[in-house]
Amino acid sequence: MAIKILIHKKLCNSVISAPYIFDQEMMRKFQQAGDLMMQYNQTNETQQEIRQKILTRLIGNLGKNVLIIPAFRCQYGSNIELEDNVIVNFNCTFMDNTTIHIGHNTLIGPNCSLYTVNHAIDPDERERGFCKDSPIYIGSRVWLGGNAVIMPGVSIGDDSIIGAGSVVTKDIPGGVIAVGNPCRVLRPIDTKDRWL
């Protein structure tokens, strides 16, 4: 059976940025997020109410029943959109220089990194500090295995699984298992994958 590839692209609230240099306003937002993350990462498991209050201040759009297990790092937090029932396991990094959108009931494994920012390729521009941002869209009911890396501008369709250790450099359609570096579609998910 041929794989039916349906790319599930959704427009985020932002687009690919023009090249820019990190400025004082960005530094202020970065420091503010850093203070909130420090507080969050120092909480313990009995302090769920305190964690929720911090996340409400840190995350731009926070759905219901979201669980982020410390330690967690992000650039600003304000560009992160998490729908309901998202679970982010420990030691994840979200470089949200622009929008990172994660759909409902998505699981993010430990040590995953989501990067929306690229430094300049040209060494002279890189030395001067030029960066460029592209949003990340992860659909609903997706599972990112541990240590997966999602690169700028990537979209992952609903119901897909990204294998542990994968580096996702291109869009992944919905309803598939994709693995590797660079990440490639292995096969579709079908009824044979049911446990019950």
N, C-alpha and C. Protein backbone atom coordinates (compact mmCIF):
# COMPACT_ATOMS: atom_id res chain seq x y z
N MET A 1 0.84 -1.17 0.00
CA MET A 1 0.00 0.00 0.00
C MET A 1 0.89 1.25 0.00
N ALA A 2 0.64 2.13 -0.90
CA ALA A 2 1.44 3.35 -0.99
C ALA A 2 1.12 4.26 0.19
N ILE A 3 2.13 4.96 0.64
CA ILE A 3 1.93 5.92 1.73
C ILE A 3 1.23 7.14 1.17
N LYS A 4 0.10 7.47 1.78
CA LYS A 4 -0.62 8.66 1.36
C LYS A 4 -0.05 9.82 2.17
N ILE A 5 0.64 10.70 1.49
CA ILE A 5 1.31 11.79 2.19
C ILE A 5 0.42 13.03 2.14
N LEU A 6 -0.03 13.41 3.32
CA LEU A 6 -0.82 14.63 3.47
C LEU A 6 -0.08 15.52 4.45
N ILE A 7 0.54 16.52 3.97
CA ILE A 7 1.27 17.45 4.85
C ILE A 7 0.24 18.31 5.58
N HIS A 8 0.31 18.26 6.88
CA HIS A 8 -0.61 19.03 7.71
C HIS A 8 0.08 20.33 8.10
N LYS A 9 -0.02 21.31 7.24
CA LYS A 9 0.59 22.61 7.49
C LYS A 9 -0.46 23.51 8.12
N LYS A 10 -0.12 24.17 9.18
CA LYS A 10 -1.02 25.13 9.79
C LYS A 10 -0.23 26.42 9.98
N LEU A 11 -0.85 27.54 9.61
CA LEU A 11 -0.16 28.81 9.78
C LEU A 11 -0.12 29.18 11.25
N CYS A 12 1.06 29.45 11.74
CA CYS A 12 1.21 29.93 13.11
C CYS A 12 0.98 31.44 13.09
N ASN A 13 1.05 32.04 14.27
CA ASN A 13 0.81 33.48 14.37
C ASN A 13 1.99 34.30 13.84
N SER A 14 3.03 33.65 13.38
CA SER A 14 4.19 34.38 12.90
C SER A 14 4.72 33.72 11.63
N VAL A 15 5.54 34.44 10.93
CA VAL A 15 6.13 33.94 9.69
C VAL A 15 7.63 33.98 9.81
N ILE A 16 8.31 33.53 8.77
CA ILE A 16 9.78 33.59 8.76
C ILE A 16 10.20 35.05 8.91
N SER A 17 11.09 35.30 9.83
CA SER A 17 11.52 36.67 10.09
C SER A 17 12.56 37.13 9.09
N ALA A 18 12.71 38.43 9.01
CA ALA A 18 13.85 39.01 8.32
C ALA A 18 15.07 38.82 9.23
N PRO A 19 16.28 38.83 8.67
CA PRO A 19 17.46 38.74 9.54
C PRO A 19 17.48 39.86 10.56
N TYR A 20 17.94 39.55 11.75
CA TYR A 20 17.98 40.54 12.83
C TYR A 20 19.16 40.24 13.75
N ILE A 21 19.46 41.19 14.62
CA ILE A 21 20.48 41.02 15.64
C ILE A 21 19.79 41.13 17.00
N PHE A 22 20.11 40.21 17.91
CA PHE A 22 19.56 40.20 19.26
C PHE A 22 19.77 41.56 19.90
N ASP A 23 18.66 42.20 20.37
CA ASP A 23 18.77 43.57 20.90
C ASP A 23 18.41 43.62 22.39
N GLN A 24 18.40 44.83 22.94
CA GLN A 24 18.17 45.02 24.37
C GLN A 24 16.77 44.58 24.80
N GLU A 25 15.76 44.82 23.96
CA GLU A 25 14.40 44.39 24.28
C GLU A 25 14.31 42.86 24.33
N MET A 26 14.96 42.21 23.38
CA MET A 26 15.00 40.75 23.39
C MET A 26 15.72 40.25 24.63
N MET A 27 16.78 40.92 25.03
CA MET A 27 17.52 40.54 26.23
C MET A 27 16.64 40.68 27.47
N ARG A 28 15.84 41.74 27.53
CA ARG A 28 14.95 41.95 28.68
C ARG A 28 13.94 40.79 28.78
N LYS A 29 13.33 40.41 27.64
CA LYS A 29 12.37 39.31 27.62
C LYS A 29 13.04 37.98 27.98
N PHE A 30 14.25 37.79 27.48
CA PHE A 30 15.02 36.57 27.78
C PHE A 30 15.30 36.46 29.28
N GLN A 31 15.70 37.58 29.90
CA GLN A 31 16.01 37.59 31.33
C GLN A 31 14.75 37.36 32.16
N GLN A 32 13.64 37.96 31.74
CA GLN A 32 12.37 37.76 32.44
C GLN A 32 11.96 36.28 32.41
N ALA A 33 12.07 35.67 31.22
CA ALA A 33 11.75 34.24 31.09
C ALA A 33 12.72 33.41 31.93
N GLY A 34 13.99 33.79 31.95
CA GLY A 34 14.99 33.07 32.73
C GLY A 34 14.67 33.07 34.21
N ASP A 35 14.20 34.20 34.73
CA ASP A 35 13.81 34.27 36.14
C ASP A 35 12.65 33.33 36.44
N LEU A 36 11.65 33.32 35.56
CA LEU A 36 10.49 32.43 35.75
C LEU A 36 10.89 30.97 35.66
N MET A 37 11.76 30.63 34.70
CA MET A 37 12.21 29.24 34.56
C MET A 37 13.01 28.79 35.79
N MET A 38 13.83 29.68 36.33
CA MET A 38 14.59 29.36 37.53
C MET A 38 13.65 29.01 38.67
N GLN A 39 12.60 29.84 38.85
CA GLN A 39 11.60 29.55 39.89
C GLN A 39 10.92 28.21 39.64
N TYR A 40 10.52 27.99 38.39
CA TYR A 40 9.80 26.77 38.03
C TYR A 40 10.66 25.53 38.27
N ASN A 41 11.89 25.59 37.82
CA ASN A 41 12.78 24.43 37.92
C ASN A 41 13.21 24.12 39.35
N GLN A 42 12.98 25.04 40.28
CA GLN A 42 13.32 24.79 41.68
C GLN A 42 12.13 24.27 42.49
N THR A 43 10.98 24.10 41.85
CA THR A 43 9.81 23.55 42.56
C THR A 43 9.94 22.04 42.69
N ASN A 44 9.15 21.47 43.61
CA ASN A 44 9.11 20.01 43.75
C ASN A 44 7.73 19.50 43.36
N GLU A 45 7.56 18.18 43.39
CA GLU A 45 6.33 17.56 42.89
C GLU A 45 5.10 17.89 43.71
N THR A 46 5.26 18.34 44.93
CA THR A 46 4.09 18.70 45.74
C THR A 46 3.66 20.15 45.51
N GLN A 47 4.36 20.87 44.63
CA GLN A 47 4.07 22.29 44.40
C GLN A 47 3.42 22.54 43.04
N GLN A 48 2.45 21.70 42.69
CA GLN A 48 1.80 21.81 41.37
C GLN A 48 1.07 23.15 41.19
N GLU A 49 0.48 23.65 42.27
CA GLU A 49 -0.23 24.93 42.18
C GLU A 49 0.73 26.07 41.86
N ILE A 50 1.89 26.06 42.50
CA ILE A 50 2.91 27.09 42.24
C ILE A 50 3.41 26.96 40.80
N ARG A 51 3.65 25.72 40.35
CA ARG A 51 4.08 25.50 38.97
C ARG A 51 3.07 26.07 37.98
N GLN A 52 1.79 25.83 38.24
CA GLN A 52 0.75 26.31 37.32
C GLN A 52 0.76 27.83 37.24
N LYS A 53 0.92 28.49 38.36
CA LYS A 53 0.96 29.96 38.38
C LYS A 53 2.15 30.49 37.56
N ILE A 54 3.29 29.83 37.72
CA ILE A 54 4.49 30.26 36.97
C ILE A 54 4.27 30.03 35.47
N LEU A 55 3.75 28.86 35.11
CA LEU A 55 3.51 28.57 33.68
C LEU A 55 2.53 29.56 33.06
N THR A 56 1.53 29.97 33.82
CA THR A 56 0.56 30.95 33.32
C THR A 56 1.24 32.26 32.97
N ARG A 57 2.26 32.62 33.72
CA ARG A 57 3.02 33.85 33.44
C ARG A 57 4.04 33.64 32.33
N LEU A 58 4.58 32.42 32.20
CA LEU A 58 5.68 32.16 31.27
C LEU A 58 5.20 31.83 29.86
N ILE A 59 4.22 30.95 29.73
CA ILE A 59 3.80 30.42 28.43
C ILE A 59 2.76 31.33 27.79
N GLY A 60 2.94 31.63 26.50
CA GLY A 60 2.06 32.55 25.79
C GLY A 60 0.62 32.08 25.72
N ASN A 61 0.39 30.81 25.42
CA ASN A 61 -0.96 30.26 25.34
C ASN A 61 -0.92 28.87 25.96
N LEU A 62 -1.50 28.75 27.14
CA LEU A 62 -1.42 27.53 27.93
C LEU A 62 -2.78 26.87 28.02
N GLY A 63 -2.92 25.67 27.42
CA GLY A 63 -4.17 24.94 27.47
C GLY A 63 -4.40 24.33 28.84
N LYS A 64 -5.47 23.54 28.94
CA LYS A 64 -5.81 22.86 30.19
C LYS A 64 -5.00 21.57 30.33
N ASN A 65 -4.74 21.20 31.59
CA ASN A 65 -4.07 19.94 31.92
C ASN A 65 -2.72 19.77 31.22
N VAL A 66 -1.97 20.84 31.10
CA VAL A 66 -0.62 20.77 30.53
C VAL A 66 0.35 20.40 31.65
N LEU A 67 1.24 19.46 31.35
CA LEU A 67 2.25 19.04 32.32
C LEU A 67 3.63 19.26 31.70
N ILE A 68 4.44 20.09 32.35
CA ILE A 68 5.83 20.29 31.95
C ILE A 68 6.69 19.89 33.14
N ILE A 69 7.47 18.84 32.96
CA ILE A 69 8.29 18.30 34.06
C ILE A 69 9.64 19.01 34.06
N PRO A 70 10.02 19.65 35.18
CA PRO A 70 11.33 20.30 35.23
C PRO A 70 12.44 19.26 35.05
N ALA A 71 13.57 19.67 34.54
CA ALA A 71 13.94 21.02 34.18
C ALA A 71 13.45 21.34 32.76
N PHE A 72 13.09 22.61 32.58
CA PHE A 72 12.57 23.10 31.31
C PHE A 72 13.27 24.41 31.00
N ARG A 73 13.62 24.59 29.72
CA ARG A 73 14.26 25.84 29.28
C ARG A 73 13.55 26.36 28.04
N CYS A 74 13.42 27.67 27.95
CA CYS A 74 12.90 28.30 26.73
C CYS A 74 13.57 29.65 26.56
N GLN A 75 13.39 30.23 25.38
CA GLN A 75 13.99 31.54 25.10
C GLN A 75 13.18 32.66 25.74
N TYR A 76 11.88 32.70 25.41
CA TYR A 76 10.99 33.75 25.92
C TYR A 76 9.75 33.18 26.61
N GLY A 77 9.27 32.04 26.16
CA GLY A 77 8.03 31.48 26.70
C GLY A 77 6.78 32.06 26.07
N SER A 78 6.79 33.34 25.79
CA SER A 78 5.60 34.03 25.27
C SER A 78 5.23 33.58 23.85
N ASN A 79 6.15 32.95 23.13
CA ASN A 79 5.86 32.47 21.77
C ASN A 79 5.48 30.99 21.73
N ILE A 80 5.25 30.40 22.90
CA ILE A 80 4.88 28.99 22.98
C ILE A 80 3.37 28.88 23.12
N GLU A 81 2.76 28.04 22.26
CA GLU A 81 1.32 27.78 22.30
C GLU A 81 1.11 26.29 22.55
N LEU A 82 0.57 25.95 23.71
CA LEU A 82 0.33 24.56 24.08
C LEU A 82 -1.17 24.33 24.22
N GLU A 83 -1.72 23.42 23.41
CA GLU A 83 -3.12 23.08 23.54
C GLU A 83 -3.33 22.15 24.74
N ASP A 84 -4.55 21.70 24.97
CA ASP A 84 -4.89 20.89 26.14
C ASP A 84 -4.14 19.55 26.17
N ASN A 85 -3.85 19.10 27.39
CA ASN A 85 -3.31 17.76 27.66
C ASN A 85 -1.95 17.48 27.02
N VAL A 86 -1.14 18.50 26.85
CA VAL A 86 0.23 18.33 26.36
C VAL A 86 1.12 17.92 27.53
N ILE A 87 2.01 16.96 27.29
CA ILE A 87 2.99 16.56 28.29
C ILE A 87 4.39 16.79 27.73
N VAL A 88 5.18 17.55 28.47
CA VAL A 88 6.57 17.82 28.10
C VAL A 88 7.44 17.19 29.20
N ASN A 89 8.20 16.17 28.85
CA ASN A 89 9.02 15.46 29.82
C ASN A 89 10.25 16.29 30.19
N PHE A 90 11.07 15.77 31.10
CA PHE A 90 12.14 16.58 31.66
C PHE A 90 13.27 16.88 30.67
N ASN A 91 13.97 17.99 30.97
CA ASN A 91 15.15 18.45 30.23
C ASN A 91 14.86 18.84 28.79
N CYS A 92 13.70 19.43 28.54
CA CYS A 92 13.39 19.90 27.18
C CYS A 92 13.75 21.37 27.02
N THR A 93 14.12 21.72 25.79
CA THR A 93 14.50 23.09 25.46
C THR A 93 13.65 23.57 24.28
N PHE A 94 12.95 24.68 24.46
CA PHE A 94 12.14 25.29 23.41
C PHE A 94 12.74 26.67 23.09
N MET A 95 13.45 26.78 21.98
CA MET A 95 13.99 28.08 21.55
C MET A 95 12.90 28.82 20.78
N ASP A 96 12.02 29.47 21.52
CA ASP A 96 10.83 30.10 20.93
C ASP A 96 11.08 31.55 20.54
N ASN A 97 12.05 31.76 19.66
CA ASN A 97 12.27 33.11 19.14
C ASN A 97 11.08 33.56 18.31
N THR A 98 10.33 32.61 17.77
CA THR A 98 9.03 32.84 17.15
C THR A 98 8.14 31.68 17.58
N THR A 99 6.98 31.54 16.99
CA THR A 99 5.95 30.61 17.48
C THR A 99 6.37 29.15 17.46
N ILE A 100 6.13 28.47 18.58
CA ILE A 100 6.13 27.01 18.67
C ILE A 100 4.71 26.62 19.07
N HIS A 101 4.00 25.94 18.18
CA HIS A 101 2.62 25.51 18.46
C HIS A 101 2.60 24.00 18.60
N ILE A 102 2.00 23.51 19.70
CA ILE A 102 1.90 22.07 19.96
C ILE A 102 0.43 21.74 20.21
N GLY A 103 -0.11 20.82 19.41
CA GLY A 103 -1.52 20.46 19.47
C GLY A 103 -1.87 19.58 20.66
N HIS A 104 -3.16 19.40 20.87
CA HIS A 104 -3.67 18.68 22.05
C HIS A 104 -3.22 17.22 22.08
N ASN A 105 -3.06 16.73 23.33
CA ASN A 105 -2.69 15.34 23.60
C ASN A 105 -1.37 14.92 22.96
N THR A 106 -0.47 15.84 22.81
CA THR A 106 0.86 15.54 22.27
C THR A 106 1.83 15.25 23.41
N LEU A 107 2.71 14.29 23.17
CA LEU A 107 3.72 13.88 24.14
C LEU A 107 5.10 14.27 23.64
N ILE A 108 5.85 15.00 24.45
CA ILE A 108 7.22 15.40 24.12
C ILE A 108 8.14 14.64 25.07
N GLY A 109 8.98 13.75 24.52
CA GLY A 109 9.86 12.93 25.34
C GLY A 109 10.97 13.72 26.00
N PRO A 110 11.71 13.07 26.92
CA PRO A 110 12.80 13.75 27.61
C PRO A 110 13.89 14.22 26.65
N ASN A 111 14.51 15.32 27.02
CA ASN A 111 15.67 15.87 26.30
C ASN A 111 15.38 16.31 24.87
N CYS A 112 14.12 16.58 24.55
CA CYS A 112 13.81 17.08 23.19
C CYS A 112 14.16 18.56 23.08
N SER A 113 14.56 18.96 21.88
CA SER A 113 14.92 20.35 21.61
C SER A 113 14.15 20.83 20.39
N LEU A 114 13.47 21.97 20.53
CA LEU A 114 12.73 22.59 19.44
C LEU A 114 13.35 23.95 19.18
N TYR A 115 13.91 24.13 17.97
CA TYR A 115 14.65 25.34 17.64
C TYR A 115 13.95 26.11 16.53
N THR A 116 13.52 27.35 16.82
CA THR A 116 12.93 28.18 15.76
C THR A 116 13.94 29.15 15.16
N VAL A 117 15.13 29.21 15.69
CA VAL A 117 16.11 30.23 15.28
C VAL A 117 17.31 29.57 14.59
N ASN A 118 17.80 30.26 13.57
CA ASN A 118 19.04 29.89 12.89
C ASN A 118 20.00 31.06 12.99
N HIS A 119 21.26 30.77 13.27
CA HIS A 119 22.29 31.79 13.14
C HIS A 119 22.67 31.87 11.66
N ALA A 120 23.24 32.99 11.28
CA ALA A 120 23.65 33.19 9.89
C ALA A 120 24.63 32.12 9.44
N ILE A 121 24.52 31.72 8.19
CA ILE A 121 25.44 30.74 7.61
C ILE A 121 26.78 31.39 7.27
N ASP A 122 26.70 32.60 6.71
CA ASP A 122 27.91 33.34 6.37
C ASP A 122 28.66 33.70 7.66
N PRO A 123 29.96 33.37 7.75
CA PRO A 123 30.69 33.61 9.01
C PRO A 123 30.78 35.08 9.39
N ASP A 124 30.87 36.00 8.41
CA ASP A 124 30.92 37.42 8.74
C ASP A 124 29.61 37.88 9.36
N GLU A 125 28.48 37.44 8.77
CA GLU A 125 27.16 37.80 9.32
C GLU A 125 26.95 37.13 10.68
N ARG A 126 27.41 35.90 10.83
CA ARG A 126 27.27 35.19 12.10
C ARG A 126 28.06 35.90 13.20
N GLU A 127 29.27 36.36 12.85
CA GLU A 127 30.09 37.08 13.82
C GLU A 127 29.40 38.37 14.27
N ARG A 128 28.66 39.00 13.36
CA ARG A 128 27.93 40.23 13.69
C ARG A 128 26.65 39.94 14.47
N GLY A 129 26.26 38.66 14.59
CA GLY A 129 25.12 38.29 15.42
C GLY A 129 23.80 38.12 14.70
N PHE A 130 23.82 38.03 13.35
CA PHE A 130 22.57 37.90 12.62
C PHE A 130 21.89 36.55 12.88
N CYS A 131 20.56 36.60 13.05
CA CYS A 131 19.72 35.42 13.23
C CYS A 131 18.49 35.54 12.34
N LYS A 132 17.79 34.41 12.17
CA LYS A 132 16.54 34.38 11.40
C LYS A 132 15.65 33.31 12.01
N ASP A 133 14.35 33.60 12.16
CA ASP A 133 13.43 32.70 12.83
C ASP A 133 12.41 32.11 11.87
N SER A 134 11.99 30.86 12.12
CA SER A 134 10.92 30.19 11.40
C SER A 134 10.10 29.39 12.40
N PRO A 135 8.75 29.51 12.38
CA PRO A 135 7.92 28.85 13.38
C PRO A 135 7.90 27.33 13.23
N ILE A 136 7.59 26.65 14.34
CA ILE A 136 7.42 25.20 14.38
C ILE A 136 5.96 24.91 14.68
N TYR A 137 5.37 23.98 13.93
CA TYR A 137 4.00 23.53 14.19
C TYR A 137 4.01 22.03 14.40
N ILE A 138 3.56 21.59 15.57
CA ILE A 138 3.41 20.17 15.87
C ILE A 138 1.93 19.92 16.10
N GLY A 139 1.36 19.00 15.35
CA GLY A 139 -0.07 18.74 15.40
C GLY A 139 -0.51 18.08 16.70
N SER A 140 -1.73 17.57 16.68
CA SER A 140 -2.33 16.91 17.84
C SER A 140 -2.01 15.42 17.86
N ARG A 141 -1.95 14.86 19.07
CA ARG A 141 -1.72 13.43 19.30
C ARG A 141 -0.41 12.94 18.67
N VAL A 142 0.57 13.82 18.67
CA VAL A 142 1.92 13.49 18.17
C VAL A 142 2.74 12.99 19.35
N TRP A 143 3.71 12.13 19.08
CA TRP A 143 4.65 11.67 20.10
C TRP A 143 6.06 11.89 19.57
N LEU A 144 6.81 12.75 20.28
CA LEU A 144 8.23 12.95 19.97
C LEU A 144 9.02 12.08 20.94
N GLY A 145 9.76 11.09 20.41
CA GLY A 145 10.61 10.25 21.26
C GLY A 145 11.73 11.06 21.88
N GLY A 146 12.31 10.53 22.94
CA GLY A 146 13.38 11.23 23.66
C GLY A 146 14.53 11.65 22.76
N ASN A 147 15.09 12.81 23.05
CA ASN A 147 16.25 13.36 22.33
C ASN A 147 15.96 13.74 20.88
N ALA A 148 14.69 13.87 20.51
CA ALA A 148 14.38 14.35 19.16
C ALA A 148 14.71 15.84 19.07
N VAL A 149 15.15 16.25 17.89
CA VAL A 149 15.47 17.66 17.62
C VAL A 149 14.59 18.11 16.46
N ILE A 150 13.86 19.21 16.67
CA ILE A 150 12.99 19.77 15.65
C ILE A 150 13.60 21.09 15.20
N MET A 151 13.91 21.20 13.92
CA MET A 151 14.60 22.36 13.38
C MET A 151 13.62 23.46 12.95
N PRO A 152 14.12 24.68 12.71
CA PRO A 152 13.25 25.80 12.36
C PRO A 152 12.38 25.53 11.13
N GLY A 153 11.12 25.97 11.22
CA GLY A 153 10.21 25.92 10.08
C GLY A 153 9.53 24.59 9.86
N VAL A 154 9.75 23.61 10.72
CA VAL A 154 9.20 22.26 10.52
C VAL A 154 7.75 22.20 10.99
N SER A 155 6.92 21.45 10.25
CA SER A 155 5.57 21.09 10.66
C SER A 155 5.48 19.58 10.75
N ILE A 156 4.82 19.09 11.79
CA ILE A 156 4.59 17.65 11.97
C ILE A 156 3.09 17.45 12.06
N GLY A 157 2.55 16.58 11.19
CA GLY A 157 1.11 16.37 11.13
C GLY A 157 0.56 15.58 12.31
N ASP A 158 -0.75 15.66 12.50
CA ASP A 158 -1.45 14.97 13.57
C ASP A 158 -1.12 13.48 13.58
N ASP A 159 -1.08 12.91 14.78
CA ASP A 159 -1.02 11.46 15.00
C ASP A 159 0.32 10.81 14.63
N SER A 160 1.33 11.58 14.31
CA SER A 160 2.61 10.99 13.91
C SER A 160 3.50 10.71 15.12
N ILE A 161 4.47 9.82 14.92
CA ILE A 161 5.48 9.50 15.91
C ILE A 161 6.85 9.83 15.31
N ILE A 162 7.66 10.56 16.09
CA ILE A 162 9.04 10.85 15.70
C ILE A 162 9.94 10.01 16.60
N GLY A 163 10.73 9.13 16.01
CA GLY A 163 11.57 8.21 16.77
C GLY A 163 12.61 8.92 17.61
N ALA A 164 12.98 8.27 18.71
CA ALA A 164 13.99 8.81 19.62
C ALA A 164 15.28 9.12 18.88
N GLY A 165 15.86 10.27 19.17
CA GLY A 165 17.13 10.67 18.57
C GLY A 165 17.04 11.23 17.17
N SER A 166 15.84 11.36 16.63
CA SER A 166 15.69 11.87 15.26
C SER A 166 15.98 13.36 15.20
N VAL A 167 16.48 13.80 14.04
CA VAL A 167 16.67 15.22 13.76
C VAL A 167 15.76 15.56 12.60
N VAL A 168 14.71 16.34 12.89
CA VAL A 168 13.66 16.63 11.91
C VAL A 168 13.98 17.95 11.22
N THR A 169 14.35 17.86 9.94
CA THR A 169 14.75 19.03 9.17
C THR A 169 13.70 19.43 8.13
N LYS A 170 12.75 18.54 7.86
CA LYS A 170 11.70 18.78 6.84
C LYS A 170 10.35 18.40 7.44
N ASP A 171 9.28 18.88 6.81
CA ASP A 171 7.93 18.56 7.27
C ASP A 171 7.67 17.06 7.26
N ILE A 172 6.89 16.61 8.25
CA ILE A 172 6.49 15.21 8.36
C ILE A 172 4.96 15.18 8.27
N PRO A 173 4.40 14.32 7.42
CA PRO A 173 2.94 14.26 7.29
C PRO A 173 2.29 13.63 8.52
N GLY A 174 0.99 13.69 8.57
CA GLY A 174 0.24 13.09 9.67
C GLY A 174 0.16 11.58 9.53
N GLY A 175 0.00 10.89 10.69
CA GLY A 175 -0.28 9.47 10.70
C GLY A 175 0.85 8.56 10.29
N VAL A 176 2.10 8.96 10.57
CA VAL A 176 3.25 8.13 10.16
C VAL A 176 4.23 7.98 11.31
N ILE A 177 5.10 6.99 11.18
CA ILE A 177 6.28 6.86 12.04
C ILE A 177 7.46 7.35 11.21
N ALA A 178 8.22 8.28 11.77
CA ALA A 178 9.38 8.85 11.07
C ALA A 178 10.58 8.80 12.01
N VAL A 179 11.73 8.43 11.47
CA VAL A 179 12.93 8.23 12.30
C VAL A 179 14.17 8.69 11.55
N GLY A 180 15.24 8.90 12.31
CA GLY A 180 16.56 9.07 11.71
C GLY A 180 17.11 10.48 11.71
N ASN A 181 18.33 10.57 11.17
CA ASN A 181 19.03 11.84 11.03
C ASN A 181 19.67 11.87 9.64
N PRO A 182 19.03 12.62 8.71
CA PRO A 182 17.80 13.39 8.90
C PRO A 182 16.58 12.48 8.98
N CYS A 183 15.54 12.97 9.65
CA CYS A 183 14.33 12.18 9.88
C CYS A 183 13.61 11.93 8.56
N ARG A 184 13.19 10.64 8.36
CA ARG A 184 12.45 10.24 7.16
C ARG A 184 11.26 9.38 7.57
N VAL A 185 10.22 9.41 6.75
CA VAL A 185 9.04 8.58 7.02
C VAL A 185 9.43 7.12 6.87
N LEU A 186 9.16 6.32 7.89
CA LEU A 186 9.41 4.89 7.88
C LEU A 186 8.20 4.14 7.32
N ARG A 187 7.01 4.48 7.85
CA ARG A 187 5.79 3.82 7.39
C ARG A 187 4.58 4.53 7.98
N PRO A 188 3.38 4.24 7.43
CA PRO A 188 2.17 4.79 8.05
C PRO A 188 1.80 4.01 9.31
N ILE A 189 1.05 4.67 10.19
CA ILE A 189 0.48 4.00 11.35
C ILE A 189 -0.88 3.46 10.92
N ASP A 190 -1.15 2.17 11.22
CA ASP A 190 -2.45 1.61 10.81
C ASP A 190 -3.01 0.72 11.91
N THR A 191 -4.10 0.03 11.64
CA THR A 191 -4.81 -0.77 12.65
C THR A 191 -3.96 -1.90 13.20
N LYS A 192 -2.96 -2.35 12.48
CA LYS A 192 -2.07 -3.41 12.97
C LYS A 192 -1.23 -2.94 14.15
N ASP A 193 -1.15 -1.62 14.36
CA ASP A 193 -0.36 -1.08 15.46
C ASP A 193 -1.13 -1.03 16.78
N ARG A 194 -2.40 -1.37 16.75
CA ARG A 194 -3.20 -1.35 18.00
C ARG A 194 -2.75 -2.46 18.94
N TRP A 195 -2.68 -2.15 20.23
CA TRP A 195 -2.35 -3.15 21.25
C TRP A 195 -3.58 -3.87 21.75
N LEU A 196 -4.73 -3.21 21.73
CA LEU A 196 -5.96 -3.82 22.24
C LEU A 196 -7.00 -3.97 21.12
